[in-house]
C-alpha cells in the first residue's frame, strides 16, 4: 500500500527542497536529484510513478535526458519544468517524450493539480479513488484507511468524517458544515455530536497524540492541515 513515488530532477537546490516539501505534504513519496547523475540506476531499482524534470540541468539537458529514457524503453510519465517557454521549446519537449510541460515561474498548486492529472491519466485504476494526507492513505473504493501503511479500523461515520477533512484540508470546517455533510440531514444532532465523533477519530488515528492531524479552531470549528 505504498505512496506514489515521484522523482524530481532540479538543479536549483532551494526550488528542489520546496517541491519536495510541497509534494510530500500532498502525500507523495519524493526523491530529489540535482542532476541526472544516478537517476537511471534509481529508476532500475525503484518503481517510480512520475518524474518532474527541469530542462536547464548540468551536463545532459533535461529534454535530451527524457529522450534518452524513452529510447531505452522507460515509460514513466514525465513533466518537464522549465523557463524555456517559446513555442518551439514546448513542442520539442513533447516530441522528446514529455507527458506535460510547465513553464517557470509557476503556481505550486497548479503543479500539484497537473501531477494528479497525469497520474490519473496513466494509472486511473490506481490513483483515481485514493486520497493521501501526510502518512494517511484513504482507499475510497475499499473504504480502508492506512497510516504509515498500517490498516486502521474506522466506523462508517469516522471514515466519512476523515474523508471530509482530507478533501477540505487546510480549510476550517464549522460544526454546522460537518453535520450537514457527514451526518444524515434528516436527523437532529447537536454540536457535541461532532465533538465526540472527532475525539474518537483522533484517538484512533493519533493514539499517542503526537501527530496533531486535526486542530480545533476555537469558536469556529476544526481543520486538518
N, C-alpha and C. Protein backbone atom coordinates (compact mmCIF):
# COMPACT_ATOMS: atom_id res chain seq x y z
N UNK A 1 0.83 -1.20 0.00
CA UNK A 1 0.00 0.00 0.00
C UNK A 1 0.87 1.26 0.00
N UNK A 2 1.90 1.26 -0.83
CA UNK A 2 2.86 2.36 -0.80
C UNK A 2 2.29 3.63 -1.42
N UNK A 3 2.87 4.75 -1.04
CA UNK A 3 2.51 6.03 -1.65
C UNK A 3 3.10 6.09 -3.05
N UNK A 4 2.49 6.89 -3.95
CA UNK A 4 3.11 7.11 -5.26
C UNK A 4 4.49 7.74 -5.08
N UNK A 5 5.45 7.26 -5.85
CA UNK A 5 6.83 7.75 -5.76
C UNK A 5 7.12 8.70 -6.91
N UNK A 6 7.54 9.92 -6.58
CA UNK A 6 7.86 10.94 -7.58
C UNK A 6 9.34 11.27 -7.50
N UNK A 7 10.00 11.28 -8.65
CA UNK A 7 11.40 11.70 -8.74
C UNK A 7 11.44 13.12 -9.31
N UNK A 8 12.19 14.00 -8.66
CA UNK A 8 12.36 15.37 -9.14
C UNK A 8 13.83 15.60 -9.48
N UNK A 9 14.09 16.10 -10.69
CA UNK A 9 15.46 16.49 -11.07
C UNK A 9 15.45 17.99 -11.29
N UNK A 10 16.09 18.71 -10.38
CA UNK A 10 16.08 20.18 -10.41
C UNK A 10 17.40 20.67 -9.81
N UNK A 11 18.16 21.49 -10.57
CA UNK A 11 19.49 21.90 -10.10
C UNK A 11 19.45 23.11 -9.17
N UNK A 12 18.31 23.78 -9.05
CA UNK A 12 18.18 24.85 -8.06
C UNK A 12 17.79 24.22 -6.72
N UNK A 13 18.73 24.19 -5.80
CA UNK A 13 18.53 23.43 -4.56
C UNK A 13 17.33 23.94 -3.76
N UNK A 14 17.15 25.26 -3.69
CA UNK A 14 16.03 25.82 -2.93
C UNK A 14 14.69 25.39 -3.53
N UNK A 15 14.60 25.43 -4.85
CA UNK A 15 13.37 25.02 -5.52
C UNK A 15 13.14 23.53 -5.35
N UNK A 16 14.20 22.76 -5.43
CA UNK A 16 14.08 21.31 -5.24
C UNK A 16 13.52 21.01 -3.85
N UNK A 17 14.03 21.68 -2.84
CA UNK A 17 13.55 21.45 -1.47
C UNK A 17 12.09 21.87 -1.32
N UNK A 18 11.72 22.98 -1.98
CA UNK A 18 10.34 23.43 -1.92
C UNK A 18 9.40 22.43 -2.58
N UNK A 19 9.79 21.90 -3.74
CA UNK A 19 8.98 20.90 -4.44
C UNK A 19 8.85 19.62 -3.61
N UNK A 20 9.96 19.21 -3.02
CA UNK A 20 9.94 18.01 -2.17
C UNK A 20 8.98 18.21 -1.00
N UNK A 21 9.05 19.36 -0.38
CA UNK A 21 8.20 19.65 0.78
C UNK A 21 6.73 19.66 0.37
N UNK A 22 6.41 20.39 -0.71
CA UNK A 22 5.02 20.52 -1.13
C UNK A 22 4.43 19.17 -1.52
N UNK A 23 5.13 18.39 -2.30
CA UNK A 23 4.59 17.11 -2.76
C UNK A 23 4.54 16.09 -1.62
N UNK A 24 5.48 16.18 -0.69
CA UNK A 24 5.43 15.29 0.47
C UNK A 24 4.19 15.59 1.31
N UNK A 25 3.86 16.88 1.47
CA UNK A 25 2.67 17.26 2.22
C UNK A 25 1.40 16.78 1.53
N UNK A 26 1.46 16.63 0.21
CA UNK A 26 0.31 16.14 -0.54
C UNK A 26 0.18 14.62 -0.46
N UNK A 27 1.13 13.97 0.21
CA UNK A 27 1.03 12.53 0.43
C UNK A 27 1.87 11.68 -0.48
N UNK A 28 2.79 12.28 -1.23
CA UNK A 28 3.63 11.51 -2.15
C UNK A 28 4.98 11.20 -1.50
N UNK A 29 5.57 10.11 -1.94
CA UNK A 29 6.96 9.82 -1.61
C UNK A 29 7.81 10.54 -2.65
N UNK A 30 8.81 11.28 -2.22
CA UNK A 30 9.56 12.12 -3.16
C UNK A 30 11.06 11.86 -3.02
N UNK A 31 11.73 11.74 -4.16
CA UNK A 31 13.18 11.59 -4.20
C UNK A 31 13.74 12.67 -5.12
N UNK A 32 14.64 13.50 -4.60
CA UNK A 32 15.16 14.62 -5.37
C UNK A 32 16.59 14.41 -5.84
N UNK A 33 16.90 14.93 -7.03
CA UNK A 33 18.25 14.88 -7.59
C UNK A 33 18.59 16.26 -8.14
N UNK A 34 19.85 16.67 -7.99
CA UNK A 34 20.30 17.96 -8.51
C UNK A 34 20.81 17.86 -9.96
N UNK A 35 20.97 16.65 -10.45
CA UNK A 35 21.38 16.41 -11.84
C UNK A 35 20.86 15.04 -12.26
N UNK A 36 21.12 14.67 -13.51
CA UNK A 36 20.66 13.37 -14.00
C UNK A 36 21.54 12.21 -13.51
N UNK A 37 22.66 12.55 -12.89
CA UNK A 37 23.57 11.52 -12.39
C UNK A 37 22.85 10.63 -11.37
N UNK A 38 22.98 9.35 -11.52
CA UNK A 38 22.42 8.33 -10.62
C UNK A 38 20.91 8.13 -10.77
N UNK A 39 20.24 8.93 -11.63
CA UNK A 39 18.80 8.78 -11.76
C UNK A 39 18.44 7.46 -12.43
N UNK A 40 19.16 7.11 -13.49
CA UNK A 40 18.83 5.87 -14.21
C UNK A 40 18.98 4.64 -13.32
N UNK A 41 20.02 4.61 -12.51
CA UNK A 41 20.19 3.46 -11.61
C UNK A 41 19.07 3.42 -10.58
N UNK A 42 18.60 4.62 -10.15
CA UNK A 42 17.48 4.68 -9.20
C UNK A 42 16.21 4.14 -9.86
N UNK A 43 15.99 4.50 -11.14
CA UNK A 43 14.81 4.02 -11.86
C UNK A 43 14.83 2.51 -12.02
N UNK A 44 16.02 1.94 -12.13
CA UNK A 44 16.13 0.49 -12.27
C UNK A 44 15.80 -0.23 -10.97
N UNK A 45 16.06 0.45 -9.86
CA UNK A 45 15.87 -0.19 -8.55
C UNK A 45 14.49 0.07 -7.94
N UNK A 46 13.86 1.21 -8.31
CA UNK A 46 12.61 1.60 -7.67
C UNK A 46 11.47 1.69 -8.70
N UNK A 47 10.27 1.47 -8.23
CA UNK A 47 9.08 1.58 -9.08
C UNK A 47 8.58 3.02 -9.00
N UNK A 48 9.07 3.86 -9.91
CA UNK A 48 8.77 5.30 -9.89
C UNK A 48 7.47 5.55 -10.66
N UNK A 49 6.57 6.35 -10.09
CA UNK A 49 5.27 6.62 -10.70
C UNK A 49 5.26 7.86 -11.58
N UNK A 50 6.15 8.81 -11.29
CA UNK A 50 6.16 10.07 -12.04
C UNK A 50 7.51 10.75 -11.86
N UNK A 51 7.95 11.48 -12.92
CA UNK A 51 9.17 12.27 -12.83
C UNK A 51 8.87 13.72 -13.18
N UNK A 52 9.49 14.65 -12.45
CA UNK A 52 9.44 16.07 -12.77
C UNK A 52 10.87 16.47 -13.10
N UNK A 53 11.10 16.94 -14.34
CA UNK A 53 12.46 17.16 -14.82
C UNK A 53 12.63 18.59 -15.32
N UNK A 54 13.62 19.29 -14.76
CA UNK A 54 13.98 20.61 -15.26
C UNK A 54 14.76 20.43 -16.56
N UNK A 55 14.68 21.42 -17.47
CA UNK A 55 15.42 21.32 -18.72
C UNK A 55 16.84 21.85 -18.58
N UNK A 56 17.02 22.89 -17.78
CA UNK A 56 18.35 23.51 -17.65
C UNK A 56 19.14 22.80 -16.56
N UNK A 57 19.65 21.62 -16.91
CA UNK A 57 20.41 20.83 -15.95
C UNK A 57 21.90 20.82 -16.31
N UNK A 58 22.75 20.64 -15.31
CA UNK A 58 24.18 20.49 -15.62
C UNK A 58 24.42 19.19 -16.36
N UNK A 59 25.31 19.24 -17.36
CA UNK A 59 25.57 18.03 -18.12
C UNK A 59 24.53 17.85 -19.21
N UNK A 60 23.73 16.81 -19.09
CA UNK A 60 22.74 16.48 -20.11
C UNK A 60 21.47 17.33 -19.94
N UNK A 61 21.08 18.03 -20.98
CA UNK A 61 19.87 18.88 -20.95
C UNK A 61 18.65 18.01 -20.67
N UNK A 62 17.68 18.57 -19.90
CA UNK A 62 16.57 17.78 -19.40
C UNK A 62 15.75 17.04 -20.45
N UNK A 63 15.38 17.73 -21.54
CA UNK A 63 14.56 17.07 -22.56
C UNK A 63 15.36 16.02 -23.32
N UNK A 64 16.68 16.24 -23.44
CA UNK A 64 17.54 15.22 -24.06
C UNK A 64 17.60 13.97 -23.17
N UNK A 65 17.61 14.21 -21.86
CA UNK A 65 17.60 13.09 -20.92
C UNK A 65 16.29 12.31 -21.04
N UNK A 66 15.20 13.05 -21.16
CA UNK A 66 13.89 12.39 -21.35
C UNK A 66 13.90 11.55 -22.62
N UNK A 67 14.43 12.12 -23.69
CA UNK A 67 14.51 11.40 -24.97
C UNK A 67 15.33 10.12 -24.82
N UNK A 68 16.45 10.21 -24.10
CA UNK A 68 17.29 9.02 -23.91
C UNK A 68 16.57 7.94 -23.12
N UNK A 69 15.77 8.37 -22.13
CA UNK A 69 15.00 7.40 -21.36
C UNK A 69 13.96 6.71 -22.24
N UNK A 70 13.27 7.50 -23.04
CA UNK A 70 12.25 6.93 -23.93
C UNK A 70 12.88 5.94 -24.92
N UNK A 71 14.06 6.29 -25.42
CA UNK A 71 14.76 5.39 -26.36
C UNK A 71 15.16 4.08 -25.71
N UNK A 72 15.30 4.10 -24.38
CA UNK A 72 15.66 2.89 -23.64
C UNK A 72 14.42 2.14 -23.15
N UNK A 73 13.24 2.64 -23.52
CA UNK A 73 12.01 1.94 -23.16
C UNK A 73 11.41 2.34 -21.83
N UNK A 74 11.92 3.39 -21.19
CA UNK A 74 11.35 3.86 -19.91
C UNK A 74 10.03 4.58 -20.20
N UNK A 75 8.95 4.11 -19.62
CA UNK A 75 7.63 4.68 -19.89
C UNK A 75 7.08 5.51 -18.73
N UNK A 76 7.86 5.73 -17.71
CA UNK A 76 7.42 6.52 -16.56
C UNK A 76 6.94 7.90 -17.03
N UNK A 77 5.75 8.34 -16.62
CA UNK A 77 5.27 9.66 -17.03
C UNK A 77 6.21 10.76 -16.55
N UNK A 78 6.40 11.78 -17.38
CA UNK A 78 7.36 12.84 -17.09
C UNK A 78 6.73 14.21 -17.34
N UNK A 79 6.91 15.11 -16.36
CA UNK A 79 6.53 16.51 -16.53
C UNK A 79 7.81 17.32 -16.63
N UNK A 80 7.97 18.07 -17.72
CA UNK A 80 9.11 18.97 -17.85
C UNK A 80 8.79 20.29 -17.16
N UNK A 81 9.73 20.78 -16.38
CA UNK A 81 9.56 22.03 -15.63
C UNK A 81 10.71 22.95 -16.03
N UNK A 82 10.42 24.08 -16.68
CA UNK A 82 11.50 24.86 -17.29
C UNK A 82 11.12 26.31 -17.53
N UNK A 83 12.16 27.14 -17.64
CA UNK A 83 11.96 28.54 -18.01
C UNK A 83 11.86 28.71 -19.52
N UNK A 84 12.12 27.65 -20.27
CA UNK A 84 12.03 27.71 -21.73
C UNK A 84 10.56 27.67 -22.14
N UNK A 85 10.01 28.83 -22.52
CA UNK A 85 8.57 28.91 -22.77
C UNK A 85 8.21 29.26 -24.21
N UNK A 86 9.20 29.28 -25.11
CA UNK A 86 8.89 29.53 -26.52
C UNK A 86 8.14 28.34 -27.10
N UNK A 87 7.31 28.61 -28.12
CA UNK A 87 6.51 27.53 -28.71
C UNK A 87 7.38 26.36 -29.15
N UNK A 88 8.52 26.66 -29.78
CA UNK A 88 9.39 25.59 -30.28
C UNK A 88 9.95 24.75 -29.14
N UNK A 89 10.23 25.40 -27.99
CA UNK A 89 10.74 24.66 -26.82
C UNK A 89 9.68 23.71 -26.28
N UNK A 90 8.45 24.20 -26.20
CA UNK A 90 7.36 23.36 -25.70
C UNK A 90 7.11 22.18 -26.64
N UNK A 91 7.10 22.47 -27.95
CA UNK A 91 6.90 21.40 -28.94
C UNK A 91 8.01 20.35 -28.83
N UNK A 92 9.26 20.85 -28.71
CA UNK A 92 10.40 19.94 -28.59
C UNK A 92 10.27 19.06 -27.36
N UNK A 93 9.83 19.66 -26.25
CA UNK A 93 9.67 18.90 -25.02
C UNK A 93 8.70 17.74 -25.18
N UNK A 94 7.57 18.00 -25.81
CA UNK A 94 6.59 16.93 -26.04
C UNK A 94 7.11 15.89 -27.03
N UNK A 95 7.77 16.35 -28.08
CA UNK A 95 8.29 15.43 -29.10
C UNK A 95 9.36 14.51 -28.53
N UNK A 96 10.06 14.97 -27.52
CA UNK A 96 11.11 14.14 -26.92
C UNK A 96 10.58 13.22 -25.83
N UNK A 97 9.27 13.29 -25.56
CA UNK A 97 8.68 12.28 -24.68
C UNK A 97 8.02 12.77 -23.41
N UNK A 98 7.90 14.09 -23.23
CA UNK A 98 7.24 14.59 -22.02
C UNK A 98 5.74 14.37 -22.09
N UNK A 99 5.13 14.14 -20.93
CA UNK A 99 3.67 13.99 -20.84
C UNK A 99 2.99 15.31 -20.53
N UNK A 100 3.73 16.25 -19.95
CA UNK A 100 3.21 17.58 -19.66
C UNK A 100 4.39 18.54 -19.58
N UNK A 101 4.10 19.85 -19.63
CA UNK A 101 5.15 20.86 -19.71
C UNK A 101 4.70 22.07 -18.91
N UNK A 102 5.48 22.44 -17.90
CA UNK A 102 5.15 23.59 -17.06
C UNK A 102 6.28 24.61 -17.15
N UNK A 103 5.94 25.86 -17.40
CA UNK A 103 6.96 26.89 -17.54
C UNK A 103 7.10 27.70 -16.25
N UNK A 104 8.34 28.09 -15.98
CA UNK A 104 8.64 28.93 -14.82
C UNK A 104 8.44 30.40 -15.19
N UNK A 105 8.01 31.25 -14.25
CA UNK A 105 7.55 30.92 -12.89
C UNK A 105 6.20 30.21 -12.95
N UNK A 106 5.91 29.41 -11.96
CA UNK A 106 4.69 28.62 -11.98
C UNK A 106 4.00 28.67 -10.63
N UNK A 107 2.73 28.35 -10.63
CA UNK A 107 1.93 28.27 -9.41
C UNK A 107 2.07 26.87 -8.82
N UNK A 108 2.48 26.78 -7.56
CA UNK A 108 2.73 25.49 -6.94
C UNK A 108 1.47 24.62 -6.89
N UNK A 109 0.33 25.25 -6.64
CA UNK A 109 -0.92 24.48 -6.60
C UNK A 109 -1.27 23.93 -7.98
N UNK A 110 -0.96 24.71 -9.03
CA UNK A 110 -1.20 24.21 -10.38
C UNK A 110 -0.32 22.99 -10.67
N UNK A 111 0.93 23.05 -10.23
CA UNK A 111 1.81 21.90 -10.43
C UNK A 111 1.25 20.65 -9.76
N UNK A 112 0.75 20.81 -8.53
CA UNK A 112 0.17 19.67 -7.82
C UNK A 112 -1.02 19.11 -8.59
N UNK A 113 -1.86 19.98 -9.12
CA UNK A 113 -3.02 19.53 -9.90
C UNK A 113 -2.59 18.81 -11.17
N UNK A 114 -1.53 19.29 -11.81
CA UNK A 114 -1.02 18.62 -13.01
C UNK A 114 -0.43 17.26 -12.67
N UNK A 115 0.25 17.18 -11.54
CA UNK A 115 0.78 15.89 -11.09
C UNK A 115 -0.37 14.89 -10.91
N UNK A 116 -1.42 15.32 -10.24
CA UNK A 116 -2.57 14.44 -10.02
C UNK A 116 -3.22 14.04 -11.34
N UNK A 117 -3.33 15.01 -12.27
CA UNK A 117 -3.97 14.74 -13.55
C UNK A 117 -3.18 13.72 -14.35
N UNK A 118 -1.85 13.85 -14.37
CA UNK A 118 -1.02 12.90 -15.12
C UNK A 118 -1.12 11.51 -14.50
N UNK A 119 -1.06 11.43 -13.18
CA UNK A 119 -1.15 10.13 -12.52
C UNK A 119 -2.50 9.46 -12.79
N UNK A 120 -3.57 10.23 -12.74
CA UNK A 120 -4.89 9.66 -13.01
C UNK A 120 -5.02 9.21 -14.45
N UNK A 121 -4.38 9.94 -15.35
CA UNK A 121 -4.48 9.60 -16.77
C UNK A 121 -3.74 8.32 -17.10
N UNK A 122 -2.55 8.15 -16.51
CA UNK A 122 -1.74 6.98 -16.87
C UNK A 122 -2.07 5.75 -16.03
N UNK A 123 -2.57 5.98 -14.78
CA UNK A 123 -2.91 4.86 -13.92
C UNK A 123 -4.22 5.14 -13.19
N UNK A 124 -5.31 5.28 -13.95
CA UNK A 124 -6.58 5.66 -13.31
C UNK A 124 -7.05 4.67 -12.27
N UNK A 125 -6.79 3.39 -12.49
CA UNK A 125 -7.27 2.38 -11.55
C UNK A 125 -6.53 2.46 -10.22
N UNK A 126 -5.36 3.05 -10.23
CA UNK A 126 -4.54 3.13 -9.03
C UNK A 126 -4.78 4.40 -8.23
N UNK A 127 -4.97 5.51 -8.94
CA UNK A 127 -4.95 6.80 -8.26
C UNK A 127 -6.29 7.51 -8.19
N UNK A 128 -7.25 7.10 -9.00
CA UNK A 128 -8.47 7.89 -9.09
C UNK A 128 -9.25 7.93 -7.79
N UNK A 129 -9.24 6.84 -7.06
CA UNK A 129 -10.06 6.78 -5.85
C UNK A 129 -9.22 6.58 -4.59
N UNK A 130 -8.06 7.21 -4.58
CA UNK A 130 -7.20 7.14 -3.41
C UNK A 130 -6.82 8.57 -3.01
N UNK A 131 -6.95 8.87 -1.74
CA UNK A 131 -6.57 10.17 -1.21
C UNK A 131 -5.40 9.99 -0.24
N UNK A 132 -4.49 10.95 -0.26
CA UNK A 132 -3.35 10.92 0.65
C UNK A 132 -3.31 12.22 1.45
N UNK A 133 -2.93 12.09 2.70
CA UNK A 133 -2.64 13.27 3.53
C UNK A 133 -1.55 12.87 4.51
N UNK A 134 -0.39 13.55 4.38
CA UNK A 134 0.77 13.18 5.20
C UNK A 134 0.99 11.67 5.11
N UNK A 135 0.92 10.94 6.23
CA UNK A 135 1.15 9.50 6.17
C UNK A 135 -0.17 8.71 6.18
N UNK A 136 -1.28 9.41 5.89
CA UNK A 136 -2.59 8.76 5.84
C UNK A 136 -2.96 8.45 4.39
N UNK A 137 -3.49 7.27 4.17
CA UNK A 137 -3.98 6.88 2.84
C UNK A 137 -5.42 6.41 2.98
N UNK A 138 -6.31 6.98 2.15
CA UNK A 138 -7.71 6.57 2.11
C UNK A 138 -7.99 5.90 0.77
N UNK A 139 -8.39 4.65 0.82
CA UNK A 139 -8.83 3.94 -0.38
C UNK A 139 -10.35 4.04 -0.42
N UNK A 140 -10.85 4.89 -1.33
CA UNK A 140 -12.28 5.17 -1.37
C UNK A 140 -13.08 3.99 -1.90
N UNK A 141 -12.49 3.18 -2.77
CA UNK A 141 -13.21 2.02 -3.28
C UNK A 141 -13.43 0.98 -2.19
N UNK A 142 -12.39 0.69 -1.44
CA UNK A 142 -12.46 -0.34 -0.41
C UNK A 142 -12.86 0.23 0.95
N UNK A 143 -12.93 1.58 1.01
CA UNK A 143 -13.23 2.28 2.27
C UNK A 143 -12.29 1.79 3.37
N UNK A 144 -11.01 1.83 3.05
CA UNK A 144 -9.98 1.42 4.00
C UNK A 144 -9.04 2.60 4.27
N UNK A 145 -8.52 2.63 5.50
CA UNK A 145 -7.60 3.69 5.91
C UNK A 145 -6.30 3.06 6.38
N UNK A 146 -5.18 3.63 5.90
CA UNK A 146 -3.86 3.16 6.31
C UNK A 146 -3.06 4.35 6.83
N UNK A 147 -2.37 4.15 7.93
CA UNK A 147 -1.46 5.17 8.46
C UNK A 147 -0.09 4.52 8.60
N UNK A 148 0.90 5.11 7.91
CA UNK A 148 2.22 4.51 7.83
C UNK A 148 2.10 3.05 7.39
N UNK A 149 1.20 2.83 6.42
CA UNK A 149 0.97 1.52 5.78
C UNK A 149 0.32 0.49 6.71
N UNK A 150 -0.10 0.93 7.90
CA UNK A 150 -0.81 0.04 8.81
C UNK A 150 -2.31 0.34 8.74
N UNK A 151 -3.11 -0.70 8.55
CA UNK A 151 -4.55 -0.51 8.42
C UNK A 151 -5.17 -0.11 9.75
N UNK A 152 -6.05 0.92 9.68
CA UNK A 152 -6.74 1.43 10.86
C UNK A 152 -8.23 1.15 10.69
N UNK A 153 -8.84 0.56 11.68
CA UNK A 153 -10.27 0.24 11.61
C UNK A 153 -11.10 1.44 12.06
N UNK A 154 -11.91 1.97 11.13
CA UNK A 154 -12.81 3.08 11.43
C UNK A 154 -14.25 2.68 11.16
N UNK A 155 -15.16 3.28 11.88
CA UNK A 155 -16.58 3.09 11.57
C UNK A 155 -16.91 3.86 10.29
N UNK A 156 -18.10 3.62 9.74
CA UNK A 156 -18.51 4.34 8.54
C UNK A 156 -18.50 5.85 8.79
N UNK A 157 -19.02 6.25 9.93
CA UNK A 157 -19.06 7.67 10.26
C UNK A 157 -17.67 8.26 10.37
N UNK A 158 -16.76 7.54 11.05
CA UNK A 158 -15.39 8.03 11.21
C UNK A 158 -14.67 8.13 9.87
N UNK A 159 -14.89 7.14 9.00
CA UNK A 159 -14.29 7.19 7.67
C UNK A 159 -14.80 8.41 6.90
N UNK A 160 -16.12 8.61 6.92
CA UNK A 160 -16.71 9.75 6.20
C UNK A 160 -16.21 11.08 6.76
N UNK A 161 -16.03 11.12 8.07
CA UNK A 161 -15.55 12.33 8.72
C UNK A 161 -14.10 12.63 8.29
N UNK A 162 -13.26 11.61 8.32
CA UNK A 162 -11.86 11.78 7.91
C UNK A 162 -11.77 12.15 6.43
N UNK A 163 -12.59 11.51 5.61
CA UNK A 163 -12.62 11.83 4.17
C UNK A 163 -12.99 13.29 3.94
N UNK A 164 -13.97 13.77 4.68
CA UNK A 164 -14.41 15.17 4.54
C UNK A 164 -13.30 16.13 4.93
N UNK A 165 -12.59 15.80 5.99
CA UNK A 165 -11.48 16.65 6.42
C UNK A 165 -10.38 16.69 5.36
N UNK A 166 -9.98 15.51 4.86
CA UNK A 166 -8.87 15.46 3.91
C UNK A 166 -9.26 16.12 2.58
N UNK A 167 -10.50 15.94 2.19
CA UNK A 167 -10.97 16.57 0.94
C UNK A 167 -10.95 18.08 1.06
N UNK A 168 -11.06 18.57 2.29
CA UNK A 168 -11.08 20.02 2.54
C UNK A 168 -9.89 20.44 3.40
N UNK A 169 -8.74 19.83 3.17
CA UNK A 169 -7.58 20.09 4.02
C UNK A 169 -7.20 21.57 3.99
N UNK A 170 -6.70 22.01 5.14
CA UNK A 170 -6.29 23.41 5.36
C UNK A 170 -7.46 24.39 5.36
N UNK A 171 -8.69 23.88 5.36
CA UNK A 171 -9.89 24.73 5.44
C UNK A 171 -10.57 24.47 6.78
N UNK A 172 -10.90 25.54 7.48
CA UNK A 172 -11.61 25.37 8.76
C UNK A 172 -13.06 25.00 8.47
N UNK A 173 -13.50 23.87 9.01
CA UNK A 173 -14.86 23.39 8.79
C UNK A 173 -15.68 23.61 10.06
N UNK A 174 -16.79 24.28 9.92
CA UNK A 174 -17.65 24.53 11.08
C UNK A 174 -18.38 23.25 11.46
N UNK A 175 -18.89 23.21 12.68
CA UNK A 175 -19.68 22.06 13.12
C UNK A 175 -20.93 21.93 12.26
N UNK A 176 -21.51 23.06 11.87
CA UNK A 176 -22.71 23.03 11.01
C UNK A 176 -22.40 22.39 9.67
N UNK A 177 -21.24 22.73 9.10
CA UNK A 177 -20.83 22.14 7.82
C UNK A 177 -20.66 20.62 7.96
N UNK A 178 -20.01 20.20 9.05
CA UNK A 178 -19.78 18.77 9.25
C UNK A 178 -21.10 18.03 9.47
N UNK A 179 -22.00 18.63 10.25
CA UNK A 179 -23.30 17.99 10.47
C UNK A 179 -24.05 17.81 9.16
N UNK A 180 -23.97 18.81 8.30
CA UNK A 180 -24.70 18.77 7.03
C UNK A 180 -24.09 17.80 6.04
N UNK A 181 -22.74 17.68 6.05
CA UNK A 181 -22.07 16.90 5.03
C UNK A 181 -21.67 15.49 5.45
N UNK A 182 -21.63 15.23 6.76
CA UNK A 182 -21.23 13.91 7.23
C UNK A 182 -22.40 13.14 7.84
N UNK A 183 -23.21 13.86 8.63
CA UNK A 183 -24.35 13.21 9.27
C UNK A 183 -25.58 13.30 8.38
N UNK A 184 -26.56 12.48 8.68
CA UNK A 184 -27.82 12.49 7.91
C UNK A 184 -28.55 13.81 8.14
N UNK A 185 -28.85 14.51 7.07
CA UNK A 185 -29.50 15.82 7.17
C UNK A 185 -30.87 15.73 7.85
N UNK A 186 -31.51 14.56 7.74
CA UNK A 186 -32.86 14.42 8.27
C UNK A 186 -32.90 14.17 9.77
N UNK A 187 -31.73 13.94 10.35
CA UNK A 187 -31.67 13.67 11.79
C UNK A 187 -31.27 14.93 12.54
N UNK A 188 -31.67 15.00 13.79
CA UNK A 188 -31.33 16.16 14.62
C UNK A 188 -30.09 15.82 15.45
N UNK A 189 -29.07 16.66 15.29
CA UNK A 189 -27.84 16.46 16.05
C UNK A 189 -27.44 17.78 16.68
N UNK A 190 -26.57 17.67 17.67
CA UNK A 190 -26.07 18.86 18.35
C UNK A 190 -24.57 18.98 18.10
N UNK A 191 -24.03 20.16 18.44
CA UNK A 191 -22.61 20.39 18.24
C UNK A 191 -21.76 19.35 18.96
N UNK A 192 -22.23 18.92 20.15
CA UNK A 192 -21.44 17.97 20.91
C UNK A 192 -21.32 16.63 20.18
N UNK A 193 -22.27 16.34 19.28
CA UNK A 193 -22.19 15.13 18.47
C UNK A 193 -20.90 15.15 17.65
N UNK A 194 -20.60 16.31 17.06
CA UNK A 194 -19.38 16.47 16.27
C UNK A 194 -18.15 16.35 17.16
N UNK A 195 -18.19 17.01 18.29
CA UNK A 195 -17.04 16.98 19.21
C UNK A 195 -16.69 15.57 19.64
N UNK A 196 -17.70 14.79 19.99
CA UNK A 196 -17.48 13.41 20.45
C UNK A 196 -16.91 12.56 19.31
N UNK A 197 -17.48 12.70 18.11
CA UNK A 197 -17.02 11.90 16.96
C UNK A 197 -15.58 12.23 16.60
N UNK A 198 -15.23 13.50 16.62
CA UNK A 198 -13.87 13.91 16.29
C UNK A 198 -12.89 13.41 17.35
N UNK A 199 -13.30 13.45 18.61
CA UNK A 199 -12.45 12.94 19.68
C UNK A 199 -12.15 11.45 19.47
N UNK A 200 -13.18 10.68 19.11
CA UNK A 200 -12.98 9.24 18.87
C UNK A 200 -12.09 9.00 17.66
N UNK A 201 -12.31 9.80 16.61
CA UNK A 201 -11.49 9.66 15.40
C UNK A 201 -10.03 9.95 15.72
N UNK A 202 -9.78 11.02 16.46
CA UNK A 202 -8.41 11.39 16.80
C UNK A 202 -7.73 10.30 17.64
N UNK A 203 -8.50 9.66 18.51
CA UNK A 203 -7.94 8.60 19.35
C UNK A 203 -7.49 7.40 18.49
N UNK A 204 -8.18 7.19 17.37
CA UNK A 204 -7.84 6.06 16.51
C UNK A 204 -6.67 6.36 15.57
N UNK A 205 -6.66 7.58 15.01
CA UNK A 205 -5.62 7.89 14.03
C UNK A 205 -4.37 8.49 14.66
N UNK A 206 -4.47 8.93 15.91
CA UNK A 206 -3.32 9.53 16.59
C UNK A 206 -3.35 9.16 18.07
N UNK A 207 -3.26 7.86 18.37
CA UNK A 207 -3.42 7.41 19.76
C UNK A 207 -2.36 7.97 20.72
N UNK A 208 -1.17 8.29 20.20
CA UNK A 208 -0.10 8.82 21.05
C UNK A 208 -0.14 10.34 21.13
N UNK A 209 -1.08 10.93 20.41
CA UNK A 209 -1.29 12.40 20.43
C UNK A 209 -0.02 13.16 20.06
N UNK A 210 0.68 12.66 19.03
CA UNK A 210 1.92 13.30 18.60
C UNK A 210 1.81 13.95 17.23
N UNK A 211 0.83 13.52 16.44
CA UNK A 211 0.78 13.96 15.04
C UNK A 211 -0.14 15.16 14.81
N UNK A 212 -1.10 15.34 15.69
CA UNK A 212 -1.97 16.51 15.61
C UNK A 212 -2.52 16.75 14.20
N UNK A 213 -3.14 15.72 13.64
CA UNK A 213 -3.73 15.86 12.31
C UNK A 213 -4.86 16.90 12.32
N UNK A 214 -5.75 16.78 13.31
CA UNK A 214 -6.96 17.61 13.35
C UNK A 214 -6.81 18.65 14.45
N UNK A 215 -7.01 19.90 14.07
CA UNK A 215 -6.84 21.01 15.01
C UNK A 215 -8.18 21.69 15.27
N UNK A 216 -8.46 21.94 16.54
CA UNK A 216 -9.68 22.68 16.90
C UNK A 216 -9.40 24.18 16.80
N UNK A 217 -10.25 24.89 16.07
CA UNK A 217 -10.14 26.34 15.95
C UNK A 217 -11.24 26.93 16.83
N UNK A 218 -10.85 27.51 17.93
CA UNK A 218 -11.80 27.95 18.96
C UNK A 218 -12.87 28.87 18.41
N UNK A 219 -14.12 28.51 18.67
CA UNK A 219 -15.25 29.34 18.27
C UNK A 219 -15.62 29.21 16.80
N UNK A 220 -14.86 28.39 16.04
CA UNK A 220 -15.14 28.28 14.59
C UNK A 220 -15.43 26.85 14.20
N UNK A 221 -14.49 25.94 14.47
CA UNK A 221 -14.68 24.56 14.07
C UNK A 221 -13.37 23.79 14.12
N UNK A 222 -13.13 22.98 13.09
CA UNK A 222 -11.95 22.14 13.05
C UNK A 222 -11.33 22.19 11.65
N UNK A 223 -10.02 21.87 11.60
CA UNK A 223 -9.38 21.73 10.30
C UNK A 223 -8.29 20.66 10.38
N UNK A 224 -7.98 20.10 9.23
CA UNK A 224 -6.87 19.17 9.11
C UNK A 224 -5.85 19.85 8.20
N UNK A 225 -4.60 19.85 8.62
CA UNK A 225 -3.62 20.55 7.80
C UNK A 225 -2.22 20.41 8.36
